[in-house]
Amino acid sequence: MVQRPDEDAALVERARSGEAEAFTQIVERHQAAAFRVAWVLCGDAADAEEATQDAFVKAHRALGRFRAGAPLRPWLLAIAANEARNKRRAAGRREHLALRVADATAVRAEPSTEARALAADRDAGLRGALARLGDADREVLWLRYFAELSEAETAAALGCRRGTVKSRTSRALARLRRELEQADD
């Protein structure tokens, strides 16, 4: 779905004036992206759902402070990211993220047994290499490549500048390549 800032701005104004349906439309437009951000940062679907719900409750309460003319999606994603981080910290979890998104969206012919075994080895190697990366590296890679967020959206979710996302992504990919090369040796 293509997001249109002018439509978001109109919905925000209607929601500020007390129209519940307008905020419902905001939630419908952005909840999938907010959930993906929360899931990446929580590592657990149930925690991500809760963090997403909490983020929209907080966003609704903060609509009066939302700066008119500012893009809505990055603001919502930043709230979702903060809620997800708070949930992860409160639970004391530092679980490793799993690669499941690709299997859920892939449509393909039934591979041979040999191809499945090779793919499983490759996936296990990638999962292992990702697990050995630091939290910051895993977060930026998941947000950019698995949650498919733009650099601006990733920057909003991580609470940093777009240039920082570029450099973190580059360094994280270099570390991931080194991890994969070491695993092959």
N, C-alpha and C. Protein backbone atom coordinates (compact mmCIF):
# COMPACT_ATOMS: atom_id res chain seq x y z
N MET A 1 0.84 -1.19 0.00
CA MET A 1 0.00 0.00 0.00
C MET A 1 0.88 1.24 0.00
N VAL A 2 0.63 2.14 -0.91
CA VAL A 2 1.37 3.39 -0.99
C VAL A 2 0.78 4.36 0.03
N GLN A 3 1.65 4.91 0.87
CA GLN A 3 1.20 5.85 1.89
C GLN A 3 1.25 7.25 1.32
N ARG A 4 0.21 8.01 1.54
CA ARG A 4 0.15 9.38 1.06
C ARG A 4 0.12 10.32 2.25
N PRO A 5 1.16 11.17 2.37
CA PRO A 5 1.25 12.08 3.51
C PRO A 5 0.06 13.02 3.63
N ASP A 6 -0.49 13.49 2.49
CA ASP A 6 -1.62 14.41 2.57
C ASP A 6 -2.85 13.72 3.14
N GLU A 7 -3.03 12.42 2.82
CA GLU A 7 -4.14 11.67 3.40
C GLU A 7 -3.92 11.46 4.90
N ASP A 8 -2.67 11.17 5.28
CA ASP A 8 -2.35 11.03 6.70
C ASP A 8 -2.64 12.33 7.45
N ALA A 9 -2.24 13.45 6.87
CA ALA A 9 -2.45 14.75 7.52
C ALA A 9 -3.94 15.01 7.72
N ALA A 10 -4.75 14.68 6.73
CA ALA A 10 -6.19 14.87 6.86
C ALA A 10 -6.77 13.96 7.95
N LEU A 11 -6.30 12.73 7.99
CA LEU A 11 -6.76 11.81 9.03
C LEU A 11 -6.36 12.30 10.43
N VAL A 12 -5.14 12.81 10.55
CA VAL A 12 -4.68 13.33 11.84
C VAL A 12 -5.58 14.47 12.30
N GLU A 13 -5.86 15.38 11.39
CA GLU A 13 -6.72 16.52 11.76
C GLU A 13 -8.12 16.06 12.18
N ARG A 14 -8.67 15.09 11.44
CA ARG A 14 -9.98 14.57 11.81
C ARG A 14 -9.93 13.86 13.17
N ALA A 15 -8.86 13.10 13.42
CA ALA A 15 -8.72 12.40 14.69
C ALA A 15 -8.54 13.39 15.84
N ARG A 16 -7.79 14.46 15.59
CA ARG A 16 -7.61 15.49 16.62
C ARG A 16 -8.93 16.13 17.00
N SER A 17 -9.83 16.23 16.05
CA SER A 17 -11.13 16.85 16.33
C SER A 17 -12.10 15.86 16.97
N GLY A 18 -11.62 14.64 17.26
CA GLY A 18 -12.43 13.69 18.00
C GLY A 18 -13.11 12.62 17.17
N GLU A 19 -12.81 12.54 15.89
CA GLU A 19 -13.44 11.54 15.03
C GLU A 19 -12.71 10.20 15.19
N ALA A 20 -13.36 9.26 15.86
CA ALA A 20 -12.76 7.96 16.15
C ALA A 20 -12.44 7.18 14.88
N GLU A 21 -13.29 7.26 13.88
CA GLU A 21 -13.08 6.53 12.63
C GLU A 21 -11.78 6.97 11.95
N ALA A 22 -11.41 8.22 12.08
CA ALA A 22 -10.18 8.71 11.47
C ALA A 22 -8.97 8.03 12.09
N PHE A 23 -8.97 7.90 13.42
CA PHE A 23 -7.83 7.24 14.06
C PHE A 23 -7.82 5.76 13.72
N THR A 24 -8.99 5.16 13.60
CA THR A 24 -9.07 3.76 13.18
C THR A 24 -8.42 3.59 11.82
N GLN A 25 -8.65 4.51 10.91
CA GLN A 25 -8.03 4.44 9.59
C GLN A 25 -6.51 4.61 9.68
N ILE A 26 -6.05 5.46 10.58
CA ILE A 26 -4.61 5.63 10.79
C ILE A 26 -4.00 4.29 11.23
N VAL A 27 -4.65 3.66 12.19
CA VAL A 27 -4.16 2.37 12.69
C VAL A 27 -4.12 1.35 11.56
N GLU A 28 -5.20 1.25 10.79
CA GLU A 28 -5.25 0.29 9.69
C GLU A 28 -4.15 0.53 8.66
N ARG A 29 -3.84 1.77 8.40
CA ARG A 29 -2.82 2.11 7.40
C ARG A 29 -1.41 1.76 7.86
N HIS A 30 -1.16 1.85 9.17
CA HIS A 30 0.22 1.77 9.65
C HIS A 30 0.50 0.61 10.61
N GLN A 31 -0.50 -0.18 10.95
CA GLN A 31 -0.26 -1.20 11.97
C GLN A 31 0.67 -2.31 11.48
N ALA A 32 0.64 -2.67 10.22
CA ALA A 32 1.52 -3.73 9.74
C ALA A 32 2.99 -3.31 9.86
N ALA A 33 3.30 -2.11 9.45
CA ALA A 33 4.69 -1.62 9.56
C ALA A 33 5.09 -1.49 11.02
N ALA A 34 4.20 -0.98 11.86
CA ALA A 34 4.50 -0.84 13.29
C ALA A 34 4.74 -2.21 13.92
N PHE A 35 3.93 -3.19 13.53
CA PHE A 35 4.13 -4.54 14.06
C PHE A 35 5.47 -5.10 13.62
N ARG A 36 5.84 -4.91 12.33
CA ARG A 36 7.13 -5.43 11.87
C ARG A 36 8.28 -4.82 12.65
N VAL A 37 8.22 -3.52 12.90
CA VAL A 37 9.27 -2.86 13.69
C VAL A 37 9.31 -3.46 15.10
N ALA A 38 8.15 -3.59 15.71
CA ALA A 38 8.09 -4.13 17.08
C ALA A 38 8.57 -5.57 17.11
N TRP A 39 8.20 -6.34 16.11
CA TRP A 39 8.61 -7.74 16.09
C TRP A 39 10.12 -7.87 15.97
N VAL A 40 10.71 -7.04 15.14
CA VAL A 40 12.16 -7.07 14.98
C VAL A 40 12.85 -6.74 16.30
N LEU A 41 12.34 -5.76 17.01
CA LEU A 41 12.99 -5.32 18.25
C LEU A 41 12.65 -6.22 19.43
N CYS A 42 11.48 -6.85 19.44
CA CYS A 42 11.09 -7.74 20.54
C CYS A 42 11.56 -9.17 20.31
N GLY A 43 11.45 -9.61 19.06
CA GLY A 43 11.81 -10.98 18.74
C GLY A 43 10.72 -11.97 19.09
N ASP A 44 9.55 -11.50 19.46
CA ASP A 44 8.45 -12.37 19.86
C ASP A 44 7.15 -11.75 19.36
N ALA A 45 6.34 -12.55 18.69
CA ALA A 45 5.11 -12.02 18.07
C ALA A 45 4.13 -11.48 19.11
N ALA A 46 3.96 -12.18 20.22
CA ALA A 46 3.01 -11.72 21.24
C ALA A 46 3.46 -10.40 21.86
N ASP A 47 4.75 -10.29 22.16
CA ASP A 47 5.28 -9.04 22.70
C ASP A 47 5.18 -7.91 21.68
N ALA A 48 5.41 -8.25 20.42
CA ALA A 48 5.32 -7.25 19.36
C ALA A 48 3.89 -6.74 19.20
N GLU A 49 2.92 -7.65 19.28
CA GLU A 49 1.52 -7.22 19.21
C GLU A 49 1.18 -6.27 20.35
N GLU A 50 1.61 -6.63 21.54
CA GLU A 50 1.34 -5.78 22.71
C GLU A 50 2.04 -4.42 22.58
N ALA A 51 3.28 -4.44 22.13
CA ALA A 51 4.01 -3.18 21.95
C ALA A 51 3.35 -2.31 20.89
N THR A 52 2.85 -2.94 19.83
CA THR A 52 2.17 -2.20 18.76
C THR A 52 0.90 -1.55 19.29
N GLN A 53 0.12 -2.33 20.05
CA GLN A 53 -1.10 -1.77 20.63
C GLN A 53 -0.78 -0.62 21.57
N ASP A 54 0.21 -0.82 22.42
CA ASP A 54 0.61 0.25 23.34
C ASP A 54 1.08 1.50 22.58
N ALA A 55 1.78 1.28 21.47
CA ALA A 55 2.27 2.40 20.67
C ALA A 55 1.11 3.20 20.09
N PHE A 56 0.08 2.54 19.60
CA PHE A 56 -1.06 3.27 19.04
C PHE A 56 -1.87 3.97 20.13
N VAL A 57 -1.93 3.39 21.31
CA VAL A 57 -2.60 4.07 22.43
C VAL A 57 -1.82 5.35 22.76
N LYS A 58 -0.50 5.24 22.85
CA LYS A 58 0.32 6.42 23.14
C LYS A 58 0.23 7.45 22.02
N ALA A 59 0.22 6.99 20.80
CA ALA A 59 0.11 7.91 19.66
C ALA A 59 -1.22 8.66 19.71
N HIS A 60 -2.28 7.95 20.05
CA HIS A 60 -3.60 8.60 20.13
C HIS A 60 -3.58 9.69 21.20
N ARG A 61 -2.98 9.38 22.33
CA ARG A 61 -2.90 10.36 23.41
C ARG A 61 -2.02 11.55 23.03
N ALA A 62 -1.02 11.31 22.17
CA ALA A 62 -0.06 12.36 21.82
C ALA A 62 -0.41 13.08 20.52
N LEU A 63 -1.54 12.78 19.92
CA LEU A 63 -1.90 13.43 18.65
C LEU A 63 -1.89 14.96 18.75
N GLY A 64 -2.27 15.47 19.89
CA GLY A 64 -2.27 16.93 20.08
C GLY A 64 -0.88 17.53 19.99
N ARG A 65 0.14 16.74 20.29
CA ARG A 65 1.52 17.22 20.23
C ARG A 65 2.20 16.91 18.91
N PHE A 66 1.51 16.17 18.03
CA PHE A 66 2.08 15.84 16.73
C PHE A 66 2.20 17.11 15.91
N ARG A 67 3.38 17.34 15.35
CA ARG A 67 3.65 18.55 14.59
C ARG A 67 2.96 18.50 13.23
N ALA A 68 2.10 19.45 12.98
CA ALA A 68 1.38 19.51 11.71
C ALA A 68 2.38 19.62 10.56
N GLY A 69 2.14 18.88 9.52
CA GLY A 69 3.01 18.90 8.35
C GLY A 69 4.14 17.87 8.41
N ALA A 70 4.39 17.32 9.57
CA ALA A 70 5.44 16.31 9.70
C ALA A 70 4.90 14.97 9.18
N PRO A 71 5.77 14.11 8.68
CA PRO A 71 5.29 12.80 8.20
C PRO A 71 4.84 11.94 9.38
N LEU A 72 3.70 11.32 9.24
CA LEU A 72 3.09 10.55 10.32
C LEU A 72 3.77 9.20 10.51
N ARG A 73 4.05 8.49 9.42
CA ARG A 73 4.57 7.13 9.54
C ARG A 73 5.87 7.03 10.36
N PRO A 74 6.89 7.85 10.09
CA PRO A 74 8.10 7.75 10.92
C PRO A 74 7.83 8.04 12.39
N TRP A 75 6.92 8.97 12.67
CA TRP A 75 6.56 9.29 14.06
C TRP A 75 5.93 8.08 14.72
N LEU A 76 5.00 7.43 14.04
CA LEU A 76 4.36 6.23 14.59
C LEU A 76 5.37 5.10 14.77
N LEU A 77 6.25 4.92 13.80
CA LEU A 77 7.24 3.85 13.88
C LEU A 77 8.23 4.09 15.01
N ALA A 78 8.56 5.33 15.27
CA ALA A 78 9.45 5.65 16.39
C ALA A 78 8.78 5.30 17.72
N ILE A 79 7.50 5.59 17.84
CA ILE A 79 6.76 5.24 19.06
C ILE A 79 6.72 3.72 19.21
N ALA A 80 6.44 3.02 18.12
CA ALA A 80 6.40 1.55 18.16
C ALA A 80 7.76 0.98 18.55
N ALA A 81 8.82 1.54 18.00
CA ALA A 81 10.17 1.07 18.33
C ALA A 81 10.47 1.29 19.81
N ASN A 82 10.12 2.44 20.33
CA ASN A 82 10.36 2.71 21.75
C ASN A 82 9.58 1.75 22.64
N GLU A 83 8.33 1.49 22.27
CA GLU A 83 7.52 0.55 23.05
C GLU A 83 8.12 -0.85 23.01
N ALA A 84 8.59 -1.24 21.84
CA ALA A 84 9.19 -2.57 21.70
C ALA A 84 10.47 -2.68 22.54
N ARG A 85 11.29 -1.65 22.50
CA ARG A 85 12.52 -1.67 23.32
C ARG A 85 12.18 -1.72 24.80
N ASN A 86 11.18 -0.95 25.20
CA ASN A 86 10.76 -0.97 26.61
C ASN A 86 10.29 -2.36 27.00
N LYS A 87 9.53 -3.01 26.14
CA LYS A 87 9.03 -4.35 26.43
C LYS A 87 10.18 -5.33 26.55
N ARG A 88 11.13 -5.24 25.64
CA ARG A 88 12.28 -6.14 25.68
C ARG A 88 13.10 -5.93 26.96
N ARG A 89 13.32 -4.66 27.31
CA ARG A 89 14.08 -4.38 28.53
C ARG A 89 13.33 -4.86 29.77
N ALA A 90 12.04 -4.61 29.82
CA ALA A 90 11.25 -4.99 30.99
C ALA A 90 11.25 -6.50 31.17
N ALA A 91 11.20 -7.23 30.09
CA ALA A 91 11.19 -8.69 30.17
C ALA A 91 12.58 -9.26 30.40
N GLY A 92 13.61 -8.43 30.22
CA GLY A 92 14.98 -8.88 30.45
C GLY A 92 15.47 -9.85 29.38
N ARG A 93 14.83 -9.83 28.23
CA ARG A 93 15.20 -10.77 27.17
C ARG A 93 16.21 -10.17 26.22
N ARG A 94 17.12 -11.00 25.81
CA ARG A 94 18.04 -10.66 24.72
C ARG A 94 18.08 -11.85 23.76
N GLU A 95 16.87 -12.31 23.36
CA GLU A 95 16.80 -13.48 22.49
C GLU A 95 17.31 -13.16 21.09
N HIS A 96 17.79 -14.19 20.47
CA HIS A 96 18.25 -14.03 19.08
C HIS A 96 17.03 -14.06 18.15
N LEU A 97 17.12 -13.23 17.10
CA LEU A 97 16.03 -13.18 16.13
C LEU A 97 16.11 -14.35 15.16
N ALA A 98 14.96 -14.86 14.76
CA ALA A 98 14.91 -15.98 13.81
C ALA A 98 14.48 -15.51 12.43
N LEU A 99 14.94 -16.20 11.44
CA LEU A 99 14.55 -15.85 10.06
C LEU A 99 13.32 -16.67 9.67
N ARG A 100 12.14 -16.02 9.72
CA ARG A 100 10.91 -16.70 9.34
C ARG A 100 10.14 -15.96 8.25
N VAL A 101 10.44 -14.71 8.06
CA VAL A 101 9.67 -13.91 7.12
C VAL A 101 9.78 -14.46 5.70
N ALA A 102 10.97 -14.86 5.29
CA ALA A 102 11.16 -15.32 3.92
C ALA A 102 10.30 -16.54 3.61
N ASP A 103 10.24 -17.51 4.53
CA ASP A 103 9.43 -18.70 4.30
C ASP A 103 7.95 -18.38 4.24
N ALA A 104 7.51 -17.40 5.00
CA ALA A 104 6.09 -17.06 5.04
C ALA A 104 5.63 -16.41 3.74
N THR A 105 6.51 -15.74 3.04
CA THR A 105 6.11 -15.01 1.84
C THR A 105 6.54 -15.69 0.54
N ALA A 106 7.38 -16.70 0.60
CA ALA A 106 7.91 -17.32 -0.61
C ALA A 106 6.90 -18.30 -1.21
N VAL A 107 6.76 -18.22 -2.52
CA VAL A 107 5.95 -19.18 -3.27
C VAL A 107 6.89 -19.83 -4.26
N ARG A 108 7.03 -21.16 -4.15
CA ARG A 108 7.99 -21.82 -5.02
C ARG A 108 7.57 -23.27 -5.25
N ALA A 109 8.19 -23.87 -6.27
CA ALA A 109 7.96 -25.28 -6.55
C ALA A 109 8.60 -26.11 -5.46
N GLU A 110 8.13 -27.31 -5.28
CA GLU A 110 8.67 -28.21 -4.25
C GLU A 110 10.12 -28.55 -4.60
N PRO A 111 11.08 -28.15 -3.74
CA PRO A 111 12.49 -28.41 -4.04
C PRO A 111 12.83 -29.88 -3.75
N SER A 112 13.92 -30.30 -4.32
CA SER A 112 14.39 -31.67 -4.09
C SER A 112 14.91 -31.79 -2.66
N THR A 113 15.09 -33.01 -2.24
CA THR A 113 15.61 -33.26 -0.89
C THR A 113 17.00 -32.65 -0.73
N GLU A 114 17.80 -32.78 -1.76
CA GLU A 114 19.16 -32.21 -1.72
C GLU A 114 19.10 -30.69 -1.64
N ALA A 115 18.21 -30.08 -2.41
CA ALA A 115 18.08 -28.62 -2.39
C ALA A 115 17.59 -28.15 -1.03
N ARG A 116 16.67 -28.89 -0.42
CA ARG A 116 16.19 -28.53 0.93
C ARG A 116 17.30 -28.62 1.95
N ALA A 117 18.13 -29.66 1.83
CA ALA A 117 19.24 -29.82 2.77
C ALA A 117 20.25 -28.69 2.62
N LEU A 118 20.56 -28.32 1.38
CA LEU A 118 21.50 -27.22 1.14
C LEU A 118 20.92 -25.90 1.64
N ALA A 119 19.63 -25.67 1.39
CA ALA A 119 18.98 -24.43 1.86
C ALA A 119 18.96 -24.38 3.38
N ALA A 120 18.70 -25.51 4.02
CA ALA A 120 18.68 -25.56 5.49
C ALA A 120 20.06 -25.24 6.05
N ASP A 121 21.10 -25.78 5.42
CA ASP A 121 22.47 -25.48 5.86
C ASP A 121 22.78 -23.99 5.69
N ARG A 122 22.40 -23.44 4.53
CA ARG A 122 22.64 -22.02 4.26
C ARG A 122 21.87 -21.14 5.26
N ASP A 123 20.59 -21.48 5.51
CA ASP A 123 19.79 -20.72 6.46
C ASP A 123 20.35 -20.82 7.88
N ALA A 124 20.78 -22.01 8.24
CA ALA A 124 21.37 -22.18 9.58
C ALA A 124 22.65 -21.36 9.70
N GLY A 125 23.44 -21.34 8.65
CA GLY A 125 24.66 -20.53 8.66
C GLY A 125 24.36 -19.05 8.80
N LEU A 126 23.35 -18.58 8.05
CA LEU A 126 22.98 -17.17 8.13
C LEU A 126 22.41 -16.84 9.50
N ARG A 127 21.55 -17.71 10.03
CA ARG A 127 21.00 -17.49 11.37
C ARG A 127 22.10 -17.43 12.42
N GLY A 128 23.06 -18.35 12.29
CA GLY A 128 24.18 -18.37 13.23
C GLY A 128 25.02 -17.11 13.14
N ALA A 129 25.28 -16.68 11.91
CA ALA A 129 26.08 -15.45 11.71
C ALA A 129 25.33 -14.25 12.26
N LEU A 130 24.02 -14.16 12.02
CA LEU A 130 23.22 -13.06 12.58
C LEU A 130 23.23 -13.09 14.11
N ALA A 131 23.15 -14.29 14.67
CA ALA A 131 23.12 -14.43 16.13
C ALA A 131 24.43 -13.96 16.76
N ARG A 132 25.52 -14.10 16.04
CA ARG A 132 26.82 -13.68 16.58
C ARG A 132 27.04 -12.18 16.48
N LEU A 133 26.23 -11.48 15.71
CA LEU A 133 26.33 -10.03 15.61
C LEU A 133 25.78 -9.39 16.88
N GLY A 134 26.17 -8.17 17.14
CA GLY A 134 25.63 -7.42 18.27
C GLY A 134 24.18 -7.01 18.01
N ASP A 135 23.49 -6.64 19.07
CA ASP A 135 22.08 -6.24 18.96
C ASP A 135 21.88 -5.11 17.95
N ALA A 136 22.74 -4.10 17.99
CA ALA A 136 22.58 -2.95 17.10
C ALA A 136 22.71 -3.37 15.64
N ASP A 137 23.65 -4.26 15.35
CA ASP A 137 23.83 -4.73 13.97
C ASP A 137 22.62 -5.53 13.52
N ARG A 138 22.14 -6.44 14.37
CA ARG A 138 20.97 -7.25 14.02
C ARG A 138 19.75 -6.36 13.79
N GLU A 139 19.55 -5.37 14.66
CA GLU A 139 18.38 -4.50 14.54
C GLU A 139 18.36 -3.76 13.21
N VAL A 140 19.48 -3.15 12.84
CA VAL A 140 19.50 -2.36 11.60
C VAL A 140 19.31 -3.27 10.39
N LEU A 141 19.90 -4.46 10.40
CA LEU A 141 19.73 -5.37 9.27
C LEU A 141 18.29 -5.88 9.17
N TRP A 142 17.70 -6.21 10.29
CA TRP A 142 16.31 -6.68 10.27
C TRP A 142 15.37 -5.58 9.80
N LEU A 143 15.54 -4.39 10.30
CA LEU A 143 14.64 -3.31 9.91
C LEU A 143 14.77 -2.99 8.42
N ARG A 144 15.99 -2.92 7.92
CA ARG A 144 16.20 -2.55 6.52
C ARG A 144 15.81 -3.67 5.56
N TYR A 145 16.20 -4.92 5.86
CA TYR A 145 16.06 -5.98 4.87
C TYR A 145 14.90 -6.93 5.13
N PHE A 146 14.55 -7.17 6.36
CA PHE A 146 13.47 -8.11 6.62
C PHE A 146 12.14 -7.40 6.85
N ALA A 147 12.16 -6.27 7.54
CA ALA A 147 10.94 -5.48 7.71
C ALA A 147 10.73 -4.55 6.52
N GLU A 148 11.73 -4.45 5.65
CA GLU A 148 11.67 -3.67 4.42
C GLU A 148 11.34 -2.20 4.65
N LEU A 149 11.96 -1.61 5.68
CA LEU A 149 11.76 -0.19 5.94
C LEU A 149 12.77 0.63 5.14
N SER A 150 12.37 1.83 4.78
CA SER A 150 13.30 2.73 4.10
C SER A 150 14.35 3.21 5.10
N GLU A 151 15.37 3.89 4.59
CA GLU A 151 16.38 4.43 5.50
C GLU A 151 15.76 5.43 6.46
N ALA A 152 14.87 6.28 5.96
CA ALA A 152 14.22 7.28 6.82
C ALA A 152 13.37 6.61 7.90
N GLU A 153 12.63 5.57 7.52
CA GLU A 153 11.79 4.87 8.50
C GLU A 153 12.65 4.13 9.51
N THR A 154 13.73 3.53 9.05
CA THR A 154 14.65 2.85 9.96
C THR A 154 15.27 3.85 10.93
N ALA A 155 15.64 5.02 10.42
CA ALA A 155 16.21 6.06 11.28
C ALA A 155 15.21 6.47 12.34
N ALA A 156 13.95 6.63 11.96
CA ALA A 156 12.93 7.01 12.93
C ALA A 156 12.73 5.90 13.96
N ALA A 157 12.72 4.66 13.51
CA ALA A 157 12.52 3.53 14.42
C ALA A 157 13.68 3.38 15.40
N LEU A 158 14.89 3.68 14.94
CA LEU A 158 16.07 3.54 15.81
C LEU A 158 16.40 4.81 16.58
N GLY A 159 15.74 5.90 16.23
CA GLY A 159 15.99 7.16 16.92
C GLY A 159 17.33 7.77 16.56
N CYS A 160 17.71 7.66 15.29
CA CYS A 160 18.99 8.22 14.85
C CYS A 160 18.80 8.89 13.49
N ARG A 161 19.89 9.44 12.95
CA ARG A 161 19.83 10.11 11.65
C ARG A 161 19.93 9.11 10.52
N ARG A 162 19.47 9.54 9.35
CA ARG A 162 19.49 8.69 8.17
C ARG A 162 20.92 8.28 7.80
N GLY A 163 21.85 9.20 7.91
CA GLY A 163 23.25 8.89 7.62
C GLY A 163 23.81 7.85 8.57
N THR A 164 23.34 7.88 9.81
CA THR A 164 23.76 6.88 10.79
C THR A 164 23.26 5.51 10.39
N VAL A 165 22.03 5.45 9.86
CA VAL A 165 21.48 4.18 9.39
C VAL A 165 22.34 3.64 8.25
N LYS A 166 22.74 4.53 7.33
CA LYS A 166 23.58 4.10 6.20
C LYS A 166 24.89 3.50 6.70
N SER A 167 25.54 4.19 7.60
CA SER A 167 26.84 3.70 8.08
C SER A 167 26.68 2.44 8.93
N ARG A 168 25.65 2.40 9.78
CA ARG A 168 25.42 1.19 10.59
C ARG A 168 25.11 -0.01 9.70
N THR A 169 24.31 0.21 8.67
CA THR A 169 23.97 -0.88 7.75
C THR A 169 25.21 -1.38 7.05
N SER A 170 26.03 -0.48 6.57
CA SER A 170 27.26 -0.87 5.88
C SER A 170 28.18 -1.67 6.79
N ARG A 171 28.38 -1.17 8.02
CA ARG A 171 29.25 -1.89 8.96
C ARG A 171 28.65 -3.24 9.37
N ALA A 172 27.34 -3.27 9.56
CA ALA A 172 26.69 -4.53 9.96
C ALA A 172 26.80 -5.56 8.84
N LEU A 173 26.63 -5.14 7.58
CA LEU A 173 26.77 -6.06 6.46
C LEU A 173 28.21 -6.58 6.35
N ALA A 174 29.18 -5.71 6.59
CA ALA A 174 30.58 -6.14 6.55
C ALA A 174 30.85 -7.16 7.64
N ARG A 175 30.32 -6.92 8.84
CA ARG A 175 30.51 -7.89 9.94
C ARG A 175 29.81 -9.21 9.63
N LEU A 176 28.62 -9.12 9.03
CA LEU A 176 27.89 -10.34 8.67
C LEU A 176 28.67 -11.14 7.63
N ARG A 177 29.24 -10.46 6.64
CA ARG A 177 30.06 -11.15 5.63
C ARG A 177 31.24 -11.86 6.29
N ARG A 178 31.91 -11.17 7.22
CA ARG A 178 33.06 -11.78 7.93
C ARG A 178 32.61 -13.01 8.71
N GLU A 179 31.48 -12.90 9.38
CA GLU A 179 30.96 -14.04 10.15
C GLU A 179 30.67 -15.22 9.23
N LEU A 180 30.08 -14.94 8.08
CA LEU A 180 29.77 -16.02 7.13
C LEU A 180 31.03 -16.63 6.56
N GLU A 181 32.05 -15.80 6.27
CA GLU A 181 33.31 -16.30 5.74
C GLU A 181 34.01 -17.17 6.78
N GLN A 182 34.01 -16.75 8.05
CA GLN A 182 34.65 -17.53 9.12
C GLN A 182 33.95 -18.86 9.32
N ALA A 183 32.63 -18.86 9.15
CA ALA A 183 31.89 -20.11 9.29
C ALA A 183 32.21 -21.07 8.16
N ASP A 184 32.54 -20.55 6.96
CA ASP A 184 32.88 -21.39 5.82
C ASP A 184 34.26 -21.99 5.96
N ASP A 185 35.14 -21.34 6.72
CA ASP A 185 36.52 -21.84 6.87
C ASP A 185 36.62 -23.08 7.72
